[in-house]
Amino acid sequence: MKNQSIILFALVMLSACHNNTKSSITQQPTLADYSLGEKWVWKYKGVTSEGEVRSDGTDTRQVVKFGEVLGMTIGKDTIPVTDIVKPETSETPKYDWPLEVGKTWKYENNWTSQDGTTGNQSQDAEVLSYQEETVEAGTFMAYTIKYTGKTTNSRGYSANETEVCLYAPSVKTFIKLTQNQGDFNYVEELIEYSK
């Protein structure tokens, strides 16, 4: 009887831990969460419905010493990590902190491309789940965030868009992004992460 009570107690505790993982709440990363040398590598590919490859390559980001502070390399630029972790002031942010399953919000983004084209994204966002997700870089607990809406630009382009982002708190960013925009499909996946 005593052993059965111990086993029952252990099962209840494991169940409670398991449920806490599924209903996790995640705050925005802070400067203290980043470390010198931390590195992320993604592969990406964008293909039209006719099979035309419009983008194909890798993207690397790394935390480096930047003067007296930590910086992150993004392409040919390096920006202070303090800029990355600044609290979001937008009423329509990409990530509405804290993240938790069931949360919804509106995301809007106005942008200008290198050739001067301006554009706008307007999407409804919802956190669908928090569970283990596997990508080439490994298996991580991640939120599945679905964005649905429209993208337009100053050259007359307009397309409905669905984007699914897998955000992993342990790596402080997305591990996979799948985007369907009109006749264009784009996938970006984390293939390497090191601390």
C-alpha atoms as a PDB file:
ATOM      1  CA  MET A   1       0.000   0.000   0.000  1.00  0.00           C
ATOM      2  CA  LYS A   2       2.830   2.371   0.909  1.00  0.00           C
ATOM      3  CA  ASN A   3       4.555   1.726  -2.455  1.00  0.00           C
ATOM      4  CA  GLN A   4       1.287   2.369  -4.304  1.00  0.00           C
ATOM      5  CA  SER A   5       0.923   5.715  -2.507  1.00  0.00           C
ATOM      6  CA  ILE A   6       4.478   6.700  -3.441  1.00  0.00           C
ATOM      7  CA  ILE A   7       3.904   5.715  -7.083  1.00  0.00           C
ATOM      8  CA  LEU A   8       0.585   7.598  -7.169  1.00  0.00           C
ATOM      9  CA  PHE A   9       2.250  10.703  -5.663  1.00  0.00           C
ATOM     10  CA  ALA A  10       5.091  10.490  -8.223  1.00  0.00           C
ATOM     11  CA  LEU A  11       2.600  10.211 -11.096  1.00  0.00           C
ATOM     12  CA  VAL A  12       0.631  13.219  -9.819  1.00  0.00           C
ATOM     13  CA  MET A  13       3.837  15.283  -9.547  1.00  0.00           C
ATOM     14  CA  LEU A  14       5.000  14.265 -13.036  1.00  0.00           C
ATOM     15  CA  SER A  15       1.590  15.112 -14.421  1.00  0.00           C
ATOM     16  CA  ALA A  16       1.682  18.532 -12.742  1.00  0.00           C
ATOM     17  CA  CYS A  17       5.143  19.241 -14.187  1.00  0.00           C
ATOM     18  CA  HIS A  18       3.985  18.095 -17.607  1.00  0.00           C
ATOM     19  CA  ASN A  19       0.931  20.361 -17.506  1.00  0.00           C
ATOM     20  CA  ASN A  20       3.019  23.367 -16.426  1.00  0.00           C
ATOM     21  CA  THR A  21       5.218  22.881 -19.477  1.00  0.00           C
ATOM     22  CA  LYS A  22       2.202  22.897 -21.779  1.00  0.00           C
ATOM     23  CA  SER A  23       0.766  26.073 -20.237  1.00  0.00           C
ATOM     24  CA  SER A  24       4.045  27.951 -20.050  1.00  0.00           C
ATOM     25  CA  ILE A  25       4.231  31.739 -20.089  1.00  0.00           C
ATOM     26  CA  THR A  26       7.350  33.268 -21.641  1.00  0.00           C
ATOM     27  CA  GLN A  27       8.639  36.795 -21.105  1.00  0.00           C
ATOM     28  CA  GLN A  28      10.714  38.714 -23.654  1.00  0.00           C
ATOM     29  CA  PRO A  29      14.435  37.829 -23.491  1.00  0.00           C
ATOM     30  CA  THR A  30      16.707  40.224 -21.589  1.00  0.00           C
ATOM     31  CA  LEU A  31      20.354  41.206 -22.055  1.00  0.00           C
ATOM     32  CA  ALA A  32      21.357  38.664 -19.377  1.00  0.00           C
ATOM     33  CA  ASP A  33      19.922  35.848 -21.535  1.00  0.00           C
ATOM     34  CA  TYR A  34      22.558  36.379 -24.280  1.00  0.00           C
ATOM     35  CA  SER A  35      26.185  35.231 -24.098  1.00  0.00           C
ATOM     36  CA  LEU A  36      29.330  36.056 -26.048  1.00  0.00           C
ATOM     37  CA  GLY A  37      29.832  33.612 -28.937  1.00  0.00           C
ATOM     38  CA  GLU A  38      26.206  32.469 -29.075  1.00  0.00           C
ATOM     39  CA  LYS A  39      25.411  31.618 -32.703  1.00  0.00           C
ATOM     40  CA  TRP A  40      22.359  30.807 -34.851  1.00  0.00           C
ATOM     41  CA  VAL A  41      22.365  29.569 -38.451  1.00  0.00           C
ATOM     42  CA  TRP A  42      19.186  29.229 -40.551  1.00  0.00           C
ATOM     43  CA  LYS A  43      18.692  27.875 -44.048  1.00  0.00           C
ATOM     44  CA  TYR A  44      16.002  29.495 -46.163  1.00  0.00           C
ATOM     45  CA  LYS A  45      14.296  28.889 -49.482  1.00  0.00           C
ATOM     46  CA  GLY A  46      11.533  30.740 -51.295  1.00  0.00           C
ATOM     47  CA  VAL A  47       9.795  29.172 -54.297  1.00  0.00           C
ATOM     48  CA  THR A  48       6.877  30.290 -56.468  1.00  0.00           C
ATOM     49  CA  SER A  49       4.007  27.923 -57.245  1.00  0.00           C
ATOM     50  CA  GLU A  50       5.578  27.539 -60.727  1.00  0.00           C
ATOM     51  CA  GLY A  51       8.838  26.305 -59.175  1.00  0.00           C
ATOM     52  CA  GLU A  52      10.910  29.481 -59.636  1.00  0.00           C
ATOM     53  CA  VAL A  53      13.436  29.745 -56.770  1.00  0.00           C
ATOM     54  CA  ARG A  54      13.547  33.378 -55.636  1.00  0.00           C
ATOM     55  CA  SER A  55      15.704  32.943 -52.557  1.00  0.00           C
ATOM     56  CA  ASP A  56      17.958  30.140 -51.351  1.00  0.00           C
ATOM     57  CA  GLY A  57      20.746  30.376 -48.805  1.00  0.00           C
ATOM     58  CA  THR A  58      21.757  30.650 -45.166  1.00  0.00           C
ATOM     59  CA  ASP A  59      21.557  33.402 -42.565  1.00  0.00           C
ATOM     60  CA  THR A  60      23.943  33.551 -39.598  1.00  0.00           C
ATOM     61  CA  ARG A  61      23.719  35.642 -36.450  1.00  0.00           C
ATOM     62  CA  GLN A  62      26.291  35.692 -33.675  1.00  0.00           C
ATOM     63  CA  VAL A  63      26.812  37.523 -30.400  1.00  0.00           C
ATOM     64  CA  VAL A  64      30.157  39.366 -30.499  1.00  0.00           C
ATOM     65  CA  LYS A  65      32.023  42.007 -28.537  1.00  0.00           C
ATOM     66  CA  PHE A  66      30.882  45.398 -29.889  1.00  0.00           C
ATOM     67  CA  GLY A  67      32.982  48.123 -28.309  1.00  0.00           C
ATOM     68  CA  GLU A  68      32.266  47.802 -24.593  1.00  0.00           C
ATOM     69  CA  VAL A  69      28.967  45.930 -25.007  1.00  0.00           C
ATOM     70  CA  LEU A  70      27.577  42.771 -26.606  1.00  0.00           C
ATOM     71  CA  GLY A  71      26.493  43.094 -30.219  1.00  0.00           C
ATOM     72  CA  MET A  72      24.781  40.798 -32.686  1.00  0.00           C
ATOM     73  CA  THR A  73      25.944  40.354 -36.247  1.00  0.00           C
ATOM     74  CA  ILE A  74      23.042  40.522 -38.691  1.00  0.00           C
ATOM     75  CA  GLY A  75      24.270  40.278 -42.264  1.00  0.00           C
ATOM     76  CA  LYS A  76      27.020  42.874 -42.626  1.00  0.00           C
ATOM     77  CA  ASP A  77      25.725  44.919 -39.686  1.00  0.00           C
ATOM     78  CA  THR A  78      26.354  44.611 -35.956  1.00  0.00           C
ATOM     79  CA  ILE A  79      23.809  46.049 -33.559  1.00  0.00           C
ATOM     80  CA  PRO A  80      23.942  46.251 -29.757  1.00  0.00           C
ATOM     81  CA  VAL A  81      22.025  43.435 -28.054  1.00  0.00           C
ATOM     82  CA  THR A  82      20.456  46.148 -25.862  1.00  0.00           C
ATOM     83  CA  ASP A  83      18.585  47.305 -29.002  1.00  0.00           C
ATOM     84  CA  ILE A  84      17.285  43.766 -29.612  1.00  0.00           C
ATOM     85  CA  VAL A  85      15.935  43.364 -26.064  1.00  0.00           C
ATOM     86  CA  LYS A  86      14.298  46.790 -25.805  1.00  0.00           C
ATOM     87  CA  PRO A  87      10.670  46.361 -24.720  1.00  0.00           C
ATOM     88  CA  GLU A  88       8.287  46.514 -27.697  1.00  0.00           C
ATOM     89  CA  THR A  89       6.374  49.795 -27.695  1.00  0.00           C
ATOM     90  CA  SER A  90       4.236  49.064 -30.748  1.00  0.00           C
ATOM     91  CA  GLU A  91       0.520  48.472 -30.253  1.00  0.00           C
ATOM     92  CA  THR A  92       0.782  45.887 -33.067  1.00  0.00           C
ATOM     93  CA  PRO A  93       4.022  43.929 -32.341  1.00  0.00           C
ATOM     94  CA  LYS A  94       5.443  40.806 -33.992  1.00  0.00           C
ATOM     95  CA  TYR A  95       5.520  39.118 -30.554  1.00  0.00           C
ATOM     96  CA  ASP A  96       3.087  40.310 -27.884  1.00  0.00           C
ATOM     97  CA  TRP A  97       4.923  39.509 -24.628  1.00  0.00           C
ATOM     98  CA  PRO A  98       4.415  37.495 -22.550  1.00  0.00           C
ATOM     99  CA  LEU A  99       3.697  34.590 -24.886  1.00  0.00           C
ATOM    100  CA  GLU A 100       1.165  31.979 -23.803  1.00  0.00           C
ATOM    101  CA  VAL A 101      -1.099  29.486 -25.539  1.00  0.00           C
ATOM    102  CA  GLY A 102      -4.405  31.026 -26.622  1.00  0.00           C
ATOM    103  CA  LYS A 103      -3.158  34.631 -26.746  1.00  0.00           C
ATOM    104  CA  THR A 104      -4.232  36.708 -29.773  1.00  0.00           C
ATOM    105  CA  TRP A 105      -3.205  40.139 -31.089  1.00  0.00           C
ATOM    106  CA  LYS A 106      -2.888  42.262 -34.232  1.00  0.00           C
ATOM    107  CA  TYR A 107       0.513  42.549 -35.965  1.00  0.00           C
ATOM    108  CA  GLU A 108       1.230  45.364 -38.405  1.00  0.00           C
ATOM    109  CA  ASN A 109       4.505  46.217 -40.098  1.00  0.00           C
ATOM    110  CA  ASN A 110       5.370  49.020 -42.529  1.00  0.00           C
ATOM    111  CA  TRP A 111       8.613  48.562 -44.424  1.00  0.00           C
ATOM    112  CA  THR A 112      10.842  49.909 -47.183  1.00  0.00           C
ATOM    113  CA  SER A 113      12.980  47.542 -49.278  1.00  0.00           C
ATOM    114  CA  GLN A 114      16.467  48.302 -50.581  1.00  0.00           C
ATOM    115  CA  ASP A 115      15.047  49.366 -53.965  1.00  0.00           C
ATOM    116  CA  GLY A 116      12.724  51.927 -52.320  1.00  0.00           C
ATOM    117  CA  THR A 117       9.519  49.888 -52.531  1.00  0.00           C
ATOM    118  CA  THR A 118       7.286  50.479 -49.516  1.00  0.00           C
ATOM    119  CA  GLY A 119       4.915  47.891 -48.116  1.00  0.00           C
ATOM    120  CA  ASN A 120       2.589  46.896 -45.322  1.00  0.00           C
ATOM    121  CA  GLN A 121       1.731  43.697 -43.494  1.00  0.00           C
ATOM    122  CA  SER A 122      -1.461  43.460 -41.452  1.00  0.00           C
ATOM    123  CA  GLN A 123      -2.039  40.154 -39.686  1.00  0.00           C
ATOM    124  CA  ASP A 124      -4.033  38.531 -36.895  1.00  0.00           C
ATOM    125  CA  ALA A 125      -1.765  36.484 -34.619  1.00  0.00           C
ATOM    126  CA  GLU A 126      -2.617  33.576 -32.336  1.00  0.00           C
ATOM    127  CA  VAL A 127      -0.469  31.297 -30.151  1.00  0.00           C
ATOM    128  CA  LEU A 128      -1.773  27.821 -30.985  1.00  0.00           C
ATOM    129  CA  SER A 129       0.430  25.524 -28.883  1.00  0.00           C
ATOM    130  CA  TYR A 130       3.560  25.046 -26.788  1.00  0.00           C
ATOM    131  CA  GLN A 131       5.204  21.679 -27.367  1.00  0.00           C
ATOM    132  CA  GLU A 132       8.367  19.912 -28.513  1.00  0.00           C
ATOM    133  CA  GLU A 133       9.270  20.726 -32.111  1.00  0.00           C
ATOM    134  CA  THR A 134      12.137  19.189 -34.087  1.00  0.00           C
ATOM    135  CA  VAL A 135      14.185  21.041 -36.694  1.00  0.00           C
ATOM    136  CA  GLU A 136      17.604  20.335 -38.180  1.00  0.00           C
ATOM    137  CA  ALA A 137      19.325  22.053 -35.214  1.00  0.00           C
ATOM    138  CA  GLY A 138      17.585  19.782 -32.685  1.00  0.00           C
ATOM    139  CA  THR A 139      14.425  19.433 -30.602  1.00  0.00           C
ATOM    140  CA  PHE A 140      13.139  22.438 -28.652  1.00  0.00           C
ATOM    141  CA  MET A 141      10.055  23.416 -26.693  1.00  0.00           C
ATOM    142  CA  ALA A 142       8.408  25.980 -28.963  1.00  0.00           C
ATOM    143  CA  TYR A 143       5.300  28.084 -29.352  1.00  0.00           C
ATOM    144  CA  THR A 144       3.420  27.729 -32.625  1.00  0.00           C
ATOM    145  CA  ILE A 145       2.260  31.216 -33.605  1.00  0.00           C
ATOM    146  CA  LYS A 146      -0.011  31.585 -36.632  1.00  0.00           C
ATOM    147  CA  TYR A 147      -0.280  34.914 -38.470  1.00  0.00           C
ATOM    148  CA  THR A 148      -2.980  35.429 -41.104  1.00  0.00           C
ATOM    149  CA  GLY A 149      -3.621  38.582 -43.088  1.00  0.00           C
ATOM    150  CA  LYS A 150      -2.517  40.575 -46.112  1.00  0.00           C
ATOM    151  CA  THR A 151       0.688  42.040 -47.570  1.00  0.00           C
ATOM    152  CA  THR A 152       0.642  44.968 -49.988  1.00  0.00           C
ATOM    153  CA  ASN A 153       3.315  47.163 -51.554  1.00  0.00           C
ATOM    154  CA  SER A 154       3.688  50.406 -53.493  1.00  0.00           C
ATOM    155  CA  ARG A 155       4.125  48.552 -56.806  1.00  0.00           C
ATOM    156  CA  GLY A 156       0.544  47.265 -56.709  1.00  0.00           C
ATOM    157  CA  TYR A 157       1.282  43.886 -55.147  1.00  0.00           C
ATOM    158  CA  SER A 158      -1.394  42.508 -52.819  1.00  0.00           C
ATOM    159  CA  ALA A 159      -1.615  38.973 -51.424  1.00  0.00           C
ATOM    160  CA  ASN A 160      -3.265  37.078 -48.628  1.00  0.00           C
ATOM    161  CA  GLU A 161      -0.648  35.652 -46.326  1.00  0.00           C
ATOM    162  CA  THR A 162      -0.394  32.845 -43.787  1.00  0.00           C
ATOM    163  CA  GLU A 163       2.721  32.539 -41.666  1.00  0.00           C
ATOM    164  CA  VAL A 164       3.491  29.915 -39.024  1.00  0.00           C
ATOM    165  CA  CYS A 165       6.345  30.703 -36.671  1.00  0.00           C
ATOM    166  CA  LEU A 166       7.842  28.231 -34.185  1.00  0.00           C
ATOM    167  CA  TYR A 167       9.359  30.375 -31.403  1.00  0.00           C
ATOM    168  CA  ALA A 168      11.689  28.561 -28.973  1.00  0.00           C
ATOM    169  CA  PRO A 169      12.347  30.426 -25.690  1.00  0.00           C
ATOM    170  CA  SER A 170      15.589  28.488 -25.042  1.00  0.00           C
ATOM    171  CA  VAL A 171      17.195  29.977 -28.179  1.00  0.00           C
ATOM    172  CA  LYS A 172      15.352  33.329 -27.892  1.00  0.00           C
ATOM    173  CA  THR A 173      14.101  33.298 -31.483  1.00  0.00           C
ATOM    174  CA  PHE A 174      12.218  31.300 -34.071  1.00  0.00           C
ATOM    175  CA  ILE A 175      13.418  27.837 -35.073  1.00  0.00           C
ATOM    176  CA  LYS A 176      11.179  27.557 -38.128  1.00  0.00           C
ATOM    177  CA  LEU A 177       9.146  29.958 -40.223  1.00  0.00           C
ATOM    178  CA  THR A 178       6.755  28.876 -42.975  1.00  0.00           C
ATOM    179  CA  GLN A 179       5.140  31.590 -45.095  1.00  0.00           C
ATOM    180  CA  ASN A 180       2.565  31.298 -47.889  1.00  0.00           C
ATOM    181  CA  GLN A 181       2.008  34.589 -49.707  1.00  0.00           C
ATOM    182  CA  GLY A 182      -0.090  34.380 -52.846  1.00  0.00           C
ATOM    183  CA  ASP A 183       1.909  32.164 -55.211  1.00  0.00           C
ATOM    184  CA  PHE A 184       5.095  32.326 -53.108  1.00  0.00           C
ATOM    185  CA  ASN A 185       6.119  29.805 -50.428  1.00  0.00           C
ATOM    186  CA  TYR A 186       9.009  30.527 -48.063  1.00  0.00           C
ATOM    187  CA  VAL A 187      10.567  28.290 -45.392  1.00  0.00           C
ATOM    188  CA  GLU A 188      13.352  29.202 -42.970  1.00  0.00           C
ATOM    189  CA  GLU A 189      14.682  26.633 -40.482  1.00  0.00           C
ATOM    190  CA  LEU A 190      17.340  26.720 -37.765  1.00  0.00           C
ATOM    191  CA  ILE A 191      20.104  24.305 -38.733  1.00  0.00           C
ATOM    192  CA  GLU A 192      22.689  25.178 -36.062  1.00  0.00           C
ATOM    193  CA  TYR A 193      22.647  26.703 -32.591  1.00  0.00           C
ATOM    194  CA  SER A 194      25.596  26.970 -30.235  1.00  0.00           C
ATOM    195  CA  LYS A 195      26.243  28.809 -27.003  1.00  0.00           C
END
